[in-house]
Amino acid sequence: MTNHITVSVPHAGVRDSLLSAAEETVRPVAQANGHGILVTRHSHTHYSVAASPAVPAGETHEACLI
């Protein structure tokens, strides 16, 4: 199980499906630790999806660094 995934988005048409898949991969770790999930946009093509103690369990929050 992984608690952090970096996602590279080749074009906007696949962004949502790639981020959803990454979120589903991280979800078991987040749930096991009582954390939520943080999706961070680092650029137009790079995102990270991570289990985060700063996010309430069962929730997904978004952050944008651009």
Protein backbone atom coordinates (compact mmCIF):
# COMPACT_ATOMS: atom_id res chain seq x y z
CA MET A 1 0.00 0.00 0.00
CA THR A 2 1.19 3.48 -0.75
CA ASN A 3 0.44 6.78 0.96
CA HIS A 4 1.65 9.13 -1.81
CA ILE A 5 1.41 9.12 -5.60
CA THR A 6 2.74 11.61 -8.13
CA VAL A 7 0.51 11.96 -11.19
CA SER A 8 1.65 13.31 -14.57
CA VAL A 9 -1.23 14.37 -16.79
CA PRO A 10 -0.45 14.23 -20.52
CA HIS A 11 -3.66 16.07 -21.50
CA ALA A 12 -6.77 17.42 -19.79
CA GLY A 13 -9.02 14.67 -21.15
CA VAL A 14 -7.50 12.08 -18.82
CA ARG A 15 -6.85 14.22 -15.74
CA ASP A 16 -9.95 13.21 -13.78
CA SER A 17 -9.56 9.49 -14.43
CA LEU A 18 -5.86 9.52 -13.48
CA LEU A 19 -6.52 11.45 -10.27
CA SER A 20 -9.46 9.20 -9.35
CA ALA A 21 -7.31 6.10 -9.84
CA ALA A 22 -4.56 7.58 -7.67
CA GLU A 23 -7.09 8.51 -4.98
CA GLU A 24 -8.47 4.96 -4.91
CA THR A 25 -4.93 3.60 -4.55
CA VAL A 26 -4.16 5.87 -1.58
CA ARG A 27 -7.57 5.46 0.10
CA PRO A 28 -6.82 2.18 2.01
CA VAL A 29 -3.77 3.75 3.69
CA ALA A 30 -5.71 6.90 4.54
CA GLN A 31 -8.58 4.90 6.04
CA ALA A 32 -6.27 2.59 8.00
CA ASN A 33 -4.59 5.61 9.60
CA GLY A 34 -7.70 7.73 10.16
CA HIS A 35 -6.57 10.29 7.58
CA GLY A 36 -8.18 11.97 4.62
CA ILE A 37 -6.72 12.53 1.16
CA LEU A 38 -5.02 15.67 -0.14
CA VAL A 39 -4.81 16.26 -3.90
CA THR A 40 -2.26 18.97 -4.71
CA ARG A 41 -1.83 20.65 -8.09
CA HIS A 42 1.83 21.55 -8.60
CA SER A 43 1.49 22.61 -12.25
CA HIS A 44 -0.95 22.16 -15.12
CA THR A 45 0.42 18.66 -15.68
CA HIS A 46 1.73 17.51 -12.27
CA TYR A 47 -0.31 16.55 -9.21
CA SER A 48 0.27 14.64 -5.99
CA VAL A 49 -2.28 12.53 -4.16
CA ALA A 50 -1.48 11.69 -0.54
CA ALA A 51 -2.96 10.41 2.70
CA SER A 52 -2.85 13.39 5.05
CA PRO A 53 -3.47 13.77 8.79
CA ALA A 54 -4.39 17.40 8.04
CA VAL A 55 -7.51 16.22 6.18
CA PRO A 56 -10.39 14.71 8.19
CA ALA A 57 -10.94 10.98 7.70
CA GLY A 58 -13.28 10.19 4.82
CA GLU A 59 -12.72 13.54 3.09
CA THR A 60 -10.69 14.62 0.08
CA HIS A 61 -9.32 18.16 -0.05
CA GLU A 62 -7.63 19.97 -2.91
CA ALA A 63 -4.73 22.42 -2.87
CA CYS A 64 -3.30 24.44 -5.76
CA LEU A 65 0.31 25.64 -5.68
CA ILE A 66 0.23 27.55 -8.96
